[in-house]
Protein backbone atom coordinates (compact mmCIF):
# COMPACT_ATOMS: atom_id res chain seq x y z
CA TYR A 1 97.77 112.42 120.71
CA PRO A 2 101.49 111.81 120.42
CA VAL A 3 103.09 115.07 118.81
CA SER A 4 106.14 113.46 117.15
CA ASP A 5 103.62 110.35 115.81
CA ILE A 6 103.86 110.65 111.70
CA VAL A 7 100.05 110.24 111.16
CA ASN A 8 100.96 108.87 107.04
CA PHE A 9 103.82 108.75 104.60
CA LYS A 10 104.02 107.26 101.55
CA THR A 11 106.86 107.44 98.99
CA LEU A 12 107.17 105.46 95.59
CA ASN A 13 109.42 108.36 94.57
CA THR A 14 107.18 108.31 91.12
CA THR A 15 108.17 111.37 88.92
CA PHE A 16 105.61 112.20 86.34
CA SER A 17 106.13 114.60 82.90
CA VAL A 18 104.52 117.72 81.73
CA PRO A 19 101.33 117.68 80.54
CA TYR A 20 99.97 116.98 83.97
CA GLU A 21 96.09 116.89 84.63
CA GLN A 22 94.71 115.37 87.98
CA THR A 23 90.98 115.75 88.94
CA PHE A 24 91.12 112.99 91.86
CA ASP A 25 88.70 111.31 90.40
CA GLY A 26 90.11 107.57 89.28
CA GLU A 27 90.97 105.70 92.47
CA GLU A 28 94.64 105.61 92.89
CA ASP A 29 95.37 108.95 92.07
CA ILE A 30 96.93 109.69 96.47
CA LEU A 31 99.44 107.50 94.61
CA ASP A 32 100.85 110.47 92.34
CA PHE A 33 101.76 112.45 95.68
CA ASP A 34 104.02 111.48 98.48
CA ILE A 35 101.73 112.41 102.38
CA ILE A 36 103.95 112.78 105.01
CA THR A 37 101.82 114.41 107.92
CA TYR A 38 103.57 115.53 111.65
CA GLY A 39 100.94 115.40 114.44
CA GLY A 40 97.38 114.83 114.82
CA ASN A 41 94.71 112.98 113.08
CA ASN A 42 94.72 115.82 110.01
CA ALA A 43 95.79 114.23 106.42
CA TRP A 44 95.74 114.67 103.19
CA VAL A 45 93.03 112.53 101.79
CA ILE A 46 91.48 111.58 98.02
CA GLY A 47 87.54 111.40 98.24
CA SER A 48 83.83 112.39 97.82
CA ALA A 49 82.95 115.37 100.60
CA THR A 50 84.35 117.95 98.64
CA SER A 51 84.55 118.53 95.15
CA THR A 52 84.35 121.14 92.10
CA THR A 53 81.92 119.16 90.65
CA GLU A 54 78.37 117.02 92.09
CA ASP A 55 80.07 114.10 91.96
CA GLY A 56 83.72 114.17 91.47
CA LYS A 57 86.23 113.60 94.15
CA SER A 58 89.50 115.77 94.87
CA MET A 59 92.64 115.99 97.51
CA TYR A 60 91.30 117.33 101.25
CA ILE A 61 92.43 117.83 104.84
CA SER A 62 90.79 115.12 107.12
CA ASN A 63 90.50 113.82 110.84
CA ASP A 64 88.15 110.66 109.73
CA ASN A 65 90.24 109.22 106.70
CA GLY A 66 88.14 110.93 104.23
CA LEU A 67 84.16 111.00 105.85
CA THR A 68 84.22 114.38 105.63
CA ASN A 69 86.60 117.53 105.25
CA GLU A 70 87.14 118.65 108.62
CA TYR A 71 90.77 118.65 111.09
CA ASP A 72 90.88 118.29 114.65
CA TYR A 73 92.88 120.82 117.04
CA TYR A 74 95.41 119.03 117.66
CA SER A 75 98.85 120.63 115.81
CA THR A 76 99.16 119.40 112.77
CA ASN A 77 101.70 119.96 109.62
CA SER A 78 100.78 117.55 106.27
CA TYR A 79 101.80 117.97 103.23
CA ALA A 80 101.27 116.34 99.53
CA VAL A 81 103.89 116.85 97.56
CA LEU A 82 103.46 115.65 93.98
CA THR A 83 107.62 115.41 91.82
CA VAL A 84 107.60 116.92 88.19
CA ASN A 85 110.27 117.18 85.34
CA PHE A 86 110.09 119.51 83.71
CA GLU A 87 111.96 120.02 80.07
CA ASP A 88 113.09 122.75 78.37
CA LYS A 89 109.38 124.94 77.61
CA ALA A 90 109.23 128.10 77.10
CA GLU A 91 107.29 128.95 79.81
CA TYR A 92 105.48 126.56 82.54
CA HIS A 93 101.99 126.74 84.66
CA LEU A 94 100.41 125.89 87.22
CA SER A 95 97.09 125.43 87.93
CA PHE A 96 94.39 124.46 90.42
CA ASP A 97 91.09 124.86 92.30
CA TYR A 98 91.21 125.20 95.98
CA LYS A 99 89.59 126.62 99.25
CA VAL A 100 89.85 126.30 102.65
CA MET A 101 89.06 127.77 106.14
CA GLY A 102 90.66 127.86 109.00
CA ASP A 103 91.20 129.92 111.41
CA GLY A 104 92.14 133.34 110.39
CA TYR A 105 95.08 133.05 111.92
CA TYR A 106 97.23 129.49 112.63
CA ASP A 107 95.41 127.43 110.53
CA TYR A 108 96.63 127.73 105.93
CA LEU A 109 96.88 126.35 102.92
CA SER A 110 100.17 127.28 101.57
CA VAL A 111 101.80 126.04 98.38
CA TYR A 112 105.37 125.52 97.08
CA ILE A 113 107.65 124.35 94.24
CA ALA A 114 110.98 123.52 95.35
CA PRO A 115 113.70 121.10 94.42
CA ALA A 116 112.88 117.07 94.14
CA THR A 117 116.08 116.88 96.62
CA GLU A 118 114.64 119.14 99.24
CA SER A 119 112.40 117.50 101.87
CA VAL A 120 109.38 118.76 103.83
CA PRO A 121 110.01 120.04 107.00
CA THR A 122 109.91 118.00 109.92
CA GLY A 123 108.42 117.98 113.07
CA VAL A 124 104.64 119.43 114.36
CA TYR A 125 105.57 122.71 115.47
CA THR A 126 108.19 123.50 112.19
CA THR A 127 107.35 127.53 111.58
CA THR A 128 110.22 128.00 109.37
CA ILE A 129 110.73 126.92 105.13
CA PRO A 130 113.81 126.29 104.03
CA SER A 131 115.02 129.12 101.12
CA THR A 132 114.64 126.43 98.62
CA PHE A 133 110.84 126.81 99.19
CA VAL A 134 109.66 128.96 96.39
CA PRO A 135 105.93 130.04 97.69
CA LEU A 136 103.52 130.51 95.22
CA LEU A 137 101.01 129.99 97.51
CA VAL A 138 100.90 131.45 101.20
CA ASN A 139 98.89 131.26 104.37
CA LYS A 140 95.52 131.20 102.47
CA ASN A 141 92.46 130.58 104.97
CA LEU A 142 88.55 132.44 105.27
CA VAL A 143 88.39 131.28 101.26
CA GLU A 144 84.67 129.73 101.81
CA ASN A 145 84.21 129.04 98.12
CA TRP A 146 86.05 126.72 95.59
CA THR A 147 88.80 129.52 93.61
CA ASN A 148 90.68 129.13 90.79
CA PHE A 149 95.01 129.74 91.30
CA ASP A 150 96.84 130.11 87.98
CA ILE A 151 100.82 130.57 88.37
CA VAL A 152 103.71 130.89 85.73
CA LEU A 153 106.10 128.53 86.96
CA ASN A 154 109.32 131.02 86.28
CA ASP A 155 113.12 128.88 86.31
CA VAL A 156 111.96 125.21 86.17
CA GLN A 157 113.22 124.14 83.06
CA ASN A 158 115.26 121.81 82.94
CA SER A 159 114.90 120.15 86.20
CA THR A 160 112.84 118.18 88.49
CA LYS A 161 110.50 120.08 91.20
CA ASN A 162 108.50 118.84 94.48
CA ILE A 163 105.02 121.25 94.08
CA ILE A 164 103.83 121.12 98.18
CA PHE A 165 101.13 121.55 99.11
CA ARG A 166 100.52 122.69 102.96
CA TRP A 167 98.03 122.27 105.39
CA THR A 168 99.22 123.34 108.69
CA ASN A 169 96.66 124.73 111.84
CA ASP A 170 98.09 125.53 115.76
CA ASP A 171 95.64 123.31 119.16
CA ASP A 172 93.75 126.28 119.26
CA ASP A 173 90.14 125.49 118.73
CA TRP A 174 88.94 129.02 119.75
CA ASP A 175 87.45 129.60 116.02
CA ASP A 176 85.37 126.45 114.91
CA ASN A 177 86.13 127.31 111.36
CA GLN A 178 85.53 124.34 109.45
CA PRO A 179 86.32 123.21 106.76
CA ALA A 180 89.93 122.82 106.30
CA ALA A 181 91.53 122.82 103.39
CA ALA A 182 91.01 121.07 99.49
CA ILE A 183 92.44 121.05 95.88
CA ASP A 184 90.89 119.88 92.81
CA ASN A 185 91.69 120.16 88.98
CA ILE A 186 95.23 120.70 89.26
CA SER A 187 97.04 121.47 85.96
CA ILE A 188 100.88 121.95 85.10
CA THR A 189 100.87 122.39 81.31
CA GLY A 190 104.76 124.04 79.17
CA SER A 191 104.44 126.06 76.54
CA ASP A 192 107.19 127.15 73.31
CA CYS A 193 105.70 130.10 73.27
CA MET A 194 105.87 132.74 76.02
């Protein structure tokens, strides 16, 4: 695979307001996200290969357009970017369910929040993340079962931000730890009480 190819790119410049709920069970839920992939076939998709519910769907990395939640070993950086407008609430919460295996060193899931004016890093071998990307969940792997993540988002009032889900893997297949990253049940809520 040519490492400079962008495998998948979609942008509708859609901004969502809070509250935002996403279970990925709708037909066009992927349209909420800008999907940007550099490198191999591993890209974010929505499908039914894995889910927190028996007959549900989730957003996950797949090397076969969603048939499985597996990845190949061609170096990849894949981003799913959700743009959200935060109003003047006292407090905001982000929560989602995730699972991710990958090898123990270079295949992992990270989640960031950044100004909506910022672009994701380009290229396959990108390791430097811009300083404006605030890490929420960093370099997670070897999480076999669905796990809930919940965090208070600081300093987001009266701004538009990108929530960035990043999968990265290298080209080493020494440790075949399938599956890749999966996300389900995204919830962003605001409250006037702290």
